[in-house]
Amino acid sequence: MTNNDSFRYHYHEVVREIGDTFIHIFKGLREQFKTEIGIVNEQYPREEFKFLEPALILEFPEAIKMLRENGVEIGDEDDLRY
């Protein structure tokens, strides 16, 4: 997206742009700080940080369905605060 672009159709355009921004940040950190990440990992072993590309975007009904499938009692219009 360039400076002259705008969000024209749906808020999902904004959500996708935010997701793309985070992916860019995560990749940059992984590439620019590879040595430092390796040093920290030697002292504090952990799995490599993973992220989805493209970023996962859930529609509200999908999120409600996933919560219900995992035992959360939630109404069709309730807040997704879980």
PDB file of N, CA and C in Angstrom:
ATOM      1  N   MET A   1       0.857  -1.177   0.000  1.00  0.00           N
ATOM      2  CA  MET A   1       0.000   0.000   0.000  1.00  0.00           C
ATOM      3  C   MET A   1       0.898   1.234   0.000  1.00  0.00           C
ATOM      4  N   THR A   2       0.637   2.176  -0.852  1.00  0.00           N
ATOM      5  CA  THR A   2       1.438   3.395  -0.927  1.00  0.00           C
ATOM      6  C   THR A   2       0.736   4.509  -0.177  1.00  0.00           C
ATOM      7  N   ASN A   3       1.415   5.613  -0.005  1.00  0.00           N
ATOM      8  CA  ASN A   3       0.843   6.748   0.721  1.00  0.00           C
ATOM      9  C   ASN A   3      -0.401   7.306   0.052  1.00  0.00           C
ATOM     10  N   ASN A   4      -0.556   7.109  -1.243  1.00  0.00           N
ATOM     11  CA  ASN A   4      -1.708   7.647  -1.955  1.00  0.00           C
ATOM     12  C   ASN A   4      -2.921   6.719  -1.919  1.00  0.00           C
ATOM     13  N   ASP A   5      -2.743   5.516  -1.423  1.00  0.00           N
ATOM     14  CA  ASP A   5      -3.845   4.572  -1.346  1.00  0.00           C
ATOM     15  C   ASP A   5      -4.735   4.887  -0.159  1.00  0.00           C
ATOM     16  N   SER A   6      -5.940   4.401  -0.208  1.00  0.00           N
ATOM     17  CA  SER A   6      -6.846   4.535   0.927  1.00  0.00           C
ATOM     18  C   SER A   6      -7.622   3.242   1.075  1.00  0.00           C
ATOM     19  N   PHE A   7      -8.257   3.095   2.195  1.00  0.00           N
ATOM     20  CA  PHE A   7      -9.088   1.928   2.436  1.00  0.00           C
ATOM     21  C   PHE A   7     -10.462   2.243   1.871  1.00  0.00           C
ATOM     22  N   ARG A   8     -10.877   1.503   0.869  1.00  0.00           N
ATOM     23  CA  ARG A   8     -12.055   1.897   0.114  1.00  0.00           C
ATOM     24  C   ARG A   8     -13.311   1.084   0.408  1.00  0.00           C
ATOM     25  N   TYR A   9     -13.161  -0.168   0.747  1.00  0.00           N
ATOM     26  CA  TYR A   9     -14.344  -1.015   0.734  1.00  0.00           C
ATOM     27  C   TYR A   9     -14.768  -1.573   2.081  1.00  0.00           C
ATOM     28  N   HIS A  10     -13.835  -2.070   2.864  1.00  0.00           N
ATOM     29  CA  HIS A  10     -14.229  -2.827   4.034  1.00  0.00           C
ATOM     30  C   HIS A  10     -13.140  -2.738   5.094  1.00  0.00           C
ATOM     31  N   TYR A  11     -13.524  -2.861   6.357  1.00  0.00           N
ATOM     32  CA  TYR A  11     -12.537  -2.802   7.426  1.00  0.00           C
ATOM     33  C   TYR A  11     -11.534  -3.937   7.339  1.00  0.00           C
ATOM     34  N   HIS A  12     -11.864  -5.002   6.618  1.00  0.00           N
ATOM     35  CA  HIS A  12     -10.899  -6.092   6.454  1.00  0.00           C
ATOM     36  C   HIS A  12      -9.650  -5.622   5.711  1.00  0.00           C
ATOM     37  N   GLU A  13      -9.772  -4.580   4.905  1.00  0.00           N
ATOM     38  CA  GLU A  13      -8.589  -4.008   4.265  1.00  0.00           C
ATOM     39  C   GLU A  13      -7.614  -3.523   5.335  1.00  0.00           C
ATOM     40  N   VAL A  14      -8.138  -2.893   6.364  1.00  0.00           N
ATOM     41  CA  VAL A  14      -7.309  -2.396   7.464  1.00  0.00           C
ATOM     42  C   VAL A  14      -6.712  -3.577   8.223  1.00  0.00           C
ATOM     43  N   VAL A  15      -7.516  -4.582   8.496  1.00  0.00           N
ATOM     44  CA  VAL A  15      -7.047  -5.754   9.228  1.00  0.00           C
ATOM     45  C   VAL A  15      -5.938  -6.453   8.445  1.00  0.00           C
ATOM     46  N   ARG A  16      -6.109  -6.596   7.136  1.00  0.00           N
ATOM     47  CA  ARG A  16      -5.073  -7.218   6.309  1.00  0.00           C
ATOM     48  C   ARG A  16      -3.786  -6.395   6.330  1.00  0.00           C
ATOM     49  N   GLU A  17      -3.920  -5.086   6.260  1.00  0.00           N
ATOM     50  CA  GLU A  17      -2.742  -4.212   6.289  1.00  0.00           C
ATOM     51  C   GLU A  17      -1.999  -4.339   7.617  1.00  0.00           C
ATOM     52  N   ILE A  18      -2.742  -4.410   8.712  1.00  0.00           N
ATOM     53  CA  ILE A  18      -2.115  -4.593  10.027  1.00  0.00           C
ATOM     54  C   ILE A  18      -1.404  -5.947  10.083  1.00  0.00           C
ATOM     55  N   GLY A  19      -2.067  -6.981   9.589  1.00  0.00           N
ATOM     56  CA  GLY A  19      -1.450  -8.311   9.558  1.00  0.00           C
ATOM     57  C   GLY A  19      -0.172  -8.310   8.744  1.00  0.00           C
ATOM     58  N   ASP A  20      -0.204  -7.686   7.575  1.00  0.00           N
ATOM     59  CA  ASP A  20       0.986  -7.601   6.726  1.00  0.00           C
ATOM     60  C   ASP A  20       2.109  -6.834   7.425  1.00  0.00           C
ATOM     61  N   THR A  21       1.752  -5.795   8.161  1.00  0.00           N
ATOM     62  CA  THR A  21       2.750  -5.007   8.890  1.00  0.00           C
ATOM     63  C   THR A  21       3.432  -5.857   9.952  1.00  0.00           C
ATOM     64  N   PHE A  22       2.654  -6.619  10.715  1.00  0.00           N
ATOM     65  CA  PHE A  22       3.250  -7.485  11.737  1.00  0.00           C
ATOM     66  C   PHE A  22       4.149  -8.547  11.102  1.00  0.00           C
ATOM     67  N   ILE A  23       3.721  -9.131  10.004  1.00  0.00           N
ATOM     68  CA  ILE A  23       4.551 -10.127   9.319  1.00  0.00           C
ATOM     69  C   ILE A  23       5.872  -9.497   8.896  1.00  0.00           C
ATOM     70  N   HIS A  24       5.821  -8.301   8.349  1.00  0.00           N
ATOM     71  CA  HIS A  24       7.032  -7.588   7.944  1.00  0.00           C
ATOM     72  C   HIS A  24       7.945  -7.350   9.159  1.00  0.00           C
ATOM     73  N   ILE A  25       7.373  -6.944  10.277  1.00  0.00           N
ATOM     74  CA  ILE A  25       8.150  -6.718  11.504  1.00  0.00           C
ATOM     75  C   ILE A  25       8.794  -8.018  11.980  1.00  0.00           C
ATOM     76  N   PHE A  26       8.003  -9.104  12.045  1.00  0.00           N
ATOM     77  CA  PHE A  26       8.525 -10.381  12.528  1.00  0.00           C
ATOM     78  C   PHE A  26       9.665 -10.883  11.646  1.00  0.00           C
ATOM     79  N   LYS A  27       9.498 -10.785  10.327  1.00  0.00           N
ATOM     80  CA  LYS A  27      10.553 -11.220   9.413  1.00  0.00           C
ATOM     81  C   LYS A  27      11.804 -10.361   9.575  1.00  0.00           C
ATOM     82  N   GLY A  28      11.619  -9.059   9.727  1.00  0.00           N
ATOM     83  CA  GLY A  28      12.751  -8.163   9.898  1.00  0.00           C
ATOM     84  C   GLY A  28      13.519  -8.464  11.168  1.00  0.00           C
ATOM     85  N   LEU A  29      12.808  -8.680  12.260  1.00  0.00           N
ATOM     86  CA  LEU A  29      13.465  -9.025  13.519  1.00  0.00           C
ATOM     87  C   LEU A  29      14.233 -10.332  13.389  1.00  0.00           C
ATOM     88  N   ARG A  30      13.609 -11.310  12.776  1.00  0.00           N
ATOM     89  CA  ARG A  30      14.248 -12.618  12.608  1.00  0.00           C
ATOM     90  C   ARG A  30      15.523 -12.506  11.767  1.00  0.00           C
ATOM     91  N   GLU A  31      15.498 -11.684  10.729  1.00  0.00           N
ATOM     92  CA  GLU A  31      16.657 -11.548   9.854  1.00  0.00           C
ATOM     93  C   GLU A  31      17.734 -10.645  10.462  1.00  0.00           C
ATOM     94  N   GLN A  32      17.343  -9.506  11.007  1.00  0.00           N
ATOM     95  CA  GLN A  32      18.313  -8.524  11.484  1.00  0.00           C
ATOM     96  C   GLN A  32      18.948  -8.902  12.825  1.00  0.00           C
ATOM     97  N   PHE A  33      18.269  -9.711  13.615  1.00  0.00           N
ATOM     98  CA  PHE A  33      18.768 -10.054  14.948  1.00  0.00           C
ATOM     99  C   PHE A  33      18.973 -11.555  15.112  1.00  0.00           C
ATOM    100  N   LYS A  34      19.334 -12.215  14.019  1.00  0.00           N
ATOM    101  CA  LYS A  34      19.522 -13.665  14.030  1.00  0.00           C
ATOM    102  C   LYS A  34      20.576 -14.073  15.067  1.00  0.00           C
ATOM    103  N   THR A  35      21.684 -13.364  15.101  1.00  0.00           N
ATOM    104  CA  THR A  35      22.756 -13.688  16.051  1.00  0.00           C
ATOM    105  C   THR A  35      22.273 -13.539  17.485  1.00  0.00           C
ATOM    106  N   GLU A  36      21.647 -12.415  17.784  1.00  0.00           N
ATOM    107  CA  GLU A  36      21.173 -12.149  19.142  1.00  0.00           C
ATOM    108  C   GLU A  36      20.110 -13.163  19.571  1.00  0.00           C
ATOM    109  N   ILE A  37      19.224 -13.505  18.656  1.00  0.00           N
ATOM    110  CA  ILE A  37      18.189 -14.507  18.957  1.00  0.00           C
ATOM    111  C   ILE A  37      18.846 -15.849  19.260  1.00  0.00           C
ATOM    112  N   GLY A  38      19.882 -16.201  18.504  1.00  0.00           N
ATOM    113  CA  GLY A  38      20.611 -17.447  18.749  1.00  0.00           C
ATOM    114  C   GLY A  38      21.269 -17.476  20.109  1.00  0.00           C
ATOM    115  N   ILE A  39      21.874 -16.353  20.506  1.00  0.00           N
ATOM    116  CA  ILE A  39      22.537 -16.268  21.812  1.00  0.00           C
ATOM    117  C   ILE A  39      21.516 -16.425  22.943  1.00  0.00           C
ATOM    118  N   VAL A  40      20.418 -15.720  22.850  1.00  0.00           N
ATOM    119  CA  VAL A  40      19.366 -15.823  23.873  1.00  0.00           C
ATOM    120  C   VAL A  40      18.822 -17.249  23.918  1.00  0.00           C
ATOM    121  N   ASN A  41      18.645 -17.862  22.752  1.00  0.00           N
ATOM    122  CA  ASN A  41      18.090 -19.216  22.682  1.00  0.00           C
ATOM    123  C   ASN A  41      19.023 -20.242  23.325  1.00  0.00           C
ATOM    124  N   GLU A  42      20.332 -19.978  23.311  1.00  0.00           N
ATOM    125  CA  GLU A  42      21.270 -20.896  23.972  1.00  0.00           C
ATOM    126  C   GLU A  42      21.030 -20.917  25.480  1.00  0.00           C
ATOM    127  N   GLN A  43      20.751 -19.755  26.048  1.00  0.00           N
ATOM    128  CA  GLN A  43      20.535 -19.672  27.494  1.00  0.00           C
ATOM    129  C   GLN A  43      19.097 -20.028  27.873  1.00  0.00           C
ATOM    130  N   TYR A  44      18.149 -19.663  27.030  1.00  0.00           N
ATOM    131  CA  TYR A  44      16.728 -19.912  27.290  1.00  0.00           C
ATOM    132  C   TYR A  44      16.124 -20.628  26.081  1.00  0.00           C
ATOM    133  N   PRO A  45      16.369 -21.938  25.978  1.00  0.00           N
ATOM    134  CA  PRO A  45      15.870 -22.677  24.812  1.00  0.00           C
ATOM    135  C   PRO A  45      14.353 -22.561  24.671  1.00  0.00           C
ATOM    136  N   ARG A  46      13.928 -22.441  23.451  1.00  0.00           N
ATOM    137  CA  ARG A  46      12.502 -22.333  23.146  1.00  0.00           C
ATOM    138  C   ARG A  46      12.302 -22.670  21.682  1.00  0.00           C
ATOM    139  N   GLU A  47      11.046 -22.938  21.335  1.00  0.00           N
ATOM    140  CA  GLU A  47      10.732 -23.179  19.934  1.00  0.00           C
ATOM    141  C   GLU A  47      10.816 -21.875  19.168  1.00  0.00           C
ATOM    142  N   GLU A  48      11.100 -21.982  17.889  1.00  0.00           N
ATOM    143  CA  GLU A  48      11.144 -20.783  17.054  1.00  0.00           C
ATOM    144  C   GLU A  48       9.769 -20.134  16.998  1.00  0.00           C
ATOM    145  N   PHE A  49       9.760 -18.810  17.039  1.00  0.00           N
ATOM    146  CA  PHE A  49       8.506 -18.055  16.945  1.00  0.00           C
ATOM    147  C   PHE A  49       7.907 -18.284  15.564  1.00  0.00           C
ATOM    148  N   LYS A  50       6.639 -18.673  15.530  1.00  0.00           N
ATOM    149  CA  LYS A  50       5.962 -18.952  14.265  1.00  0.00           C
ATOM    150  C   LYS A  50       4.800 -17.982  14.080  1.00  0.00           C
ATOM    151  N   PHE A  51       4.536 -17.654  12.846  1.00  0.00           N
ATOM    152  CA  PHE A  51       3.401 -16.805  12.515  1.00  0.00           C
ATOM    153  C   PHE A  51       2.851 -17.245  11.171  1.00  0.00           C
ATOM    154  N   LEU A  52       1.576 -16.965  10.976  1.00  0.00           N
ATOM    155  CA  LEU A  52       0.924 -17.340   9.733  1.00  0.00           C
ATOM    156  C   LEU A  52       1.155 -16.274   8.678  1.00  0.00           C
ATOM    157  N   GLU A  53       1.357 -16.737   7.462  1.00  0.00           N
ATOM    158  CA  GLU A  53       1.478 -15.811   6.344  1.00  0.00           C
ATOM    159  C   GLU A  53       0.671 -16.374   5.180  1.00  0.00           C
ATOM    160  N   PRO A  54      -0.370 -15.703   4.785  1.00  0.00           N
ATOM    161  CA  PRO A  54      -0.840 -14.408   5.265  1.00  0.00           C
ATOM    162  C   PRO A  54      -1.460 -14.536   6.660  1.00  0.00           C
ATOM    163  N   ALA A  55      -1.629 -13.405   7.301  1.00  0.00           N
ATOM    164  CA  ALA A  55      -2.197 -13.380   8.642  1.00  0.00           C
ATOM    165  C   ALA A  55      -3.618 -13.952   8.622  1.00  0.00           C
ATOM    166  N   LEU A  56      -3.972 -14.644   9.687  1.00  0.00           N
ATOM    167  CA  LEU A  56      -5.311 -15.220   9.814  1.00  0.00           C
ATOM    168  C   LEU A  56      -6.316 -14.120  10.139  1.00  0.00           C
ATOM    169  N   ILE A  57      -7.366 -14.059   9.372  1.00  0.00           N
ATOM    170  CA  ILE A  57      -8.448 -13.105   9.628  1.00  0.00           C
ATOM    171  C   ILE A  57      -9.727 -13.910   9.805  1.00  0.00           C
ATOM    172  N   LEU A  58     -10.292 -13.836  10.997  1.00  0.00           N
ATOM    173  CA  LEU A  58     -11.535 -14.549  11.286  1.00  0.00           C
ATOM    174  C   LEU A  58     -12.719 -13.604  11.170  1.00  0.00           C
ATOM    175  N   GLU A  59     -13.752 -14.081  10.539  1.00  0.00           N
ATOM    176  CA  GLU A  59     -15.017 -13.361  10.552  1.00  0.00           C
ATOM    177  C   GLU A  59     -15.653 -13.628  11.919  1.00  0.00           C
ATOM    178  N   PHE A  60     -16.460 -12.709  12.402  1.00  0.00           N
ATOM    179  CA  PHE A  60     -17.072 -12.821  13.720  1.00  0.00           C
ATOM    180  C   PHE A  60     -17.792 -14.162  13.910  1.00  0.00           C
ATOM    181  N   PRO A  61     -18.635 -14.608  12.951  1.00  0.00           N
ATOM    182  CA  PRO A  61     -19.309 -15.898  13.144  1.00  0.00           C
ATOM    183  C   PRO A  61     -18.338 -17.076  13.274  1.00  0.00           C
ATOM    184  N   GLU A  62     -17.219 -17.017  12.565  1.00  0.00           N
ATOM    185  CA  GLU A  62     -16.218 -18.074  12.684  1.00  0.00           C
ATOM    186  C   GLU A  62     -15.626 -18.105  14.091  1.00  0.00           C
ATOM    187  N   ALA A  63     -15.358 -16.921  14.636  1.00  0.00           N
ATOM    188  CA  ALA A  63     -14.788 -16.825  15.979  1.00  0.00           C
ATOM    189  C   ALA A  63     -15.769 -17.368  17.019  1.00  0.00           C
ATOM    190  N   ILE A  64     -17.041 -17.005  16.883  1.00  0.00           N
ATOM    191  CA  ILE A  64     -18.076 -17.512  17.803  1.00  0.00           C
ATOM    192  C   ILE A  64     -18.132 -19.034  17.737  1.00  0.00           C
ATOM    193  N   LYS A  65     -18.095 -19.574  16.528  1.00  0.00           N
ATOM    194  CA  LYS A  65     -18.153 -21.026  16.337  1.00  0.00           C
ATOM    195  C   LYS A  65     -16.950 -21.703  17.002  1.00  0.00           C
ATOM    196  N   MET A  66     -15.761 -21.141  16.821  1.00  0.00           N
ATOM    197  CA  MET A  66     -14.557 -21.724  17.417  1.00  0.00           C
ATOM    198  C   MET A  66     -14.635 -21.711  18.941  1.00  0.00           C
ATOM    199  N   LEU A  67     -15.115 -20.609  19.499  1.00  0.00           N
ATOM    200  CA  LEU A  67     -15.260 -20.535  20.950  1.00  0.00           C
ATOM    201  C   LEU A  67     -16.241 -21.589  21.452  1.00  0.00           C
ATOM    202  N   ARG A  68     -17.364 -21.718  20.790  1.00  0.00           N
ATOM    203  CA  ARG A  68     -18.368 -22.718  21.203  1.00  0.00           C
ATOM    204  C   ARG A  68     -17.806 -24.124  21.105  1.00  0.00           C
ATOM    205  N   GLU A  69     -17.062 -24.400  20.045  1.00  0.00           N
ATOM    206  CA  GLU A  69     -16.470 -25.727  19.873  1.00  0.00           C
ATOM    207  C   GLU A  69     -15.463 -26.041  20.973  1.00  0.00           C
ATOM    208  N   ASN A  70     -14.961 -25.010  21.627  1.00  0.00           N
ATOM    209  CA  ASN A  70     -13.988 -25.185  22.708  1.00  0.00           C
ATOM    210  C   ASN A  70     -14.610 -24.980  24.083  1.00  0.00           C
ATOM    211  N   GLY A  71     -15.941 -25.084  24.151  1.00  0.00           N
ATOM    212  CA  GLY A  71     -16.628 -25.105  25.429  1.00  0.00           C
ATOM    213  C   GLY A  71     -16.996 -23.754  26.026  1.00  0.00           C
ATOM    214  N   VAL A  72     -16.818 -22.681  25.272  1.00  0.00           N
ATOM    215  CA  VAL A  72     -17.169 -21.355  25.782  1.00  0.00           C
ATOM    216  C   VAL A  72     -18.638 -21.097  25.482  1.00  0.00           C
ATOM    217  N   GLU A  73     -19.386 -20.729  26.525  1.00  0.00           N
ATOM    218  CA  GLU A  73     -20.788 -20.367  26.324  1.00  0.00           C
ATOM    219  C   GLU A  73     -20.839 -18.894  25.943  1.00  0.00           C
ATOM    220  N   ILE A  74     -21.307 -18.626  24.736  1.00  0.00           N
ATOM    221  CA  ILE A  74     -21.308 -17.259  24.226  1.00  0.00           C
ATOM    222  C   ILE A  74     -22.501 -17.071  23.297  1.00  0.00           C
ATOM    223  N   GLY A  75     -23.131 -15.918  23.398  1.00  0.00           N
ATOM    224  CA  GLY A  75     -24.257 -15.599  22.536  1.00  0.00           C
ATOM    225  C   GLY A  75     -23.786 -15.094  21.180  1.00  0.00           C
ATOM    226  N   ASP A  76     -24.703 -15.052  20.240  1.00  0.00           N
ATOM    227  CA  ASP A  76     -24.369 -14.630  18.877  1.00  0.00           C
ATOM    228  C   ASP A  76     -23.836 -13.204  18.790  1.00  0.00           C
ATOM    229  N   GLU A  77     -24.206 -12.340  19.734  1.00  0.00           N
ATOM    230  CA  GLU A  77     -23.785 -10.937  19.683  1.00  0.00           C
ATOM    231  C   GLU A  77     -22.890 -10.546  20.851  1.00  0.00           C
ATOM    232  N   ASP A  78     -22.412 -11.532  21.615  1.00  0.00           N
ATOM    233  CA  ASP A  78     -21.565 -11.220  22.770  1.00  0.00           C
ATOM    234  C   ASP A  78     -20.186 -10.715  22.354  1.00  0.00           C
ATOM    235  N   ASP A  79     -19.543 -10.034  23.277  1.00  0.00           N
ATOM    236  CA  ASP A  79     -18.196  -9.520  23.084  1.00  0.00           C
ATOM    237  C   ASP A  79     -17.208 -10.689  23.066  1.00  0.00           C
ATOM    238  N   LEU A  80     -16.174 -10.612  22.235  1.00  0.00           N
ATOM    239  CA  LEU A  80     -15.149 -11.662  22.153  1.00  0.00           C
ATOM    240  C   LEU A  80     -14.014 -11.377  23.135  1.00  0.00           C
ATOM    241  N   ARG A  81     -14.320 -11.324  24.382  1.00  0.00           N
ATOM    242  CA  ARG A  81     -13.317 -10.973  25.385  1.00  0.00           C
ATOM    243  C   ARG A  81     -12.568 -12.175  25.933  1.00  0.00           C
ATOM    244  N   TYR A  82     -12.822 -13.350  25.439  1.00  0.00           N
ATOM    245  CA  TYR A  82     -12.211 -14.572  25.981  1.00  0.00           C
ATOM    246  C   TYR A  82     -10.837 -14.784  25.444  1.00  0.00           C
TER     247      TYR A  82
END
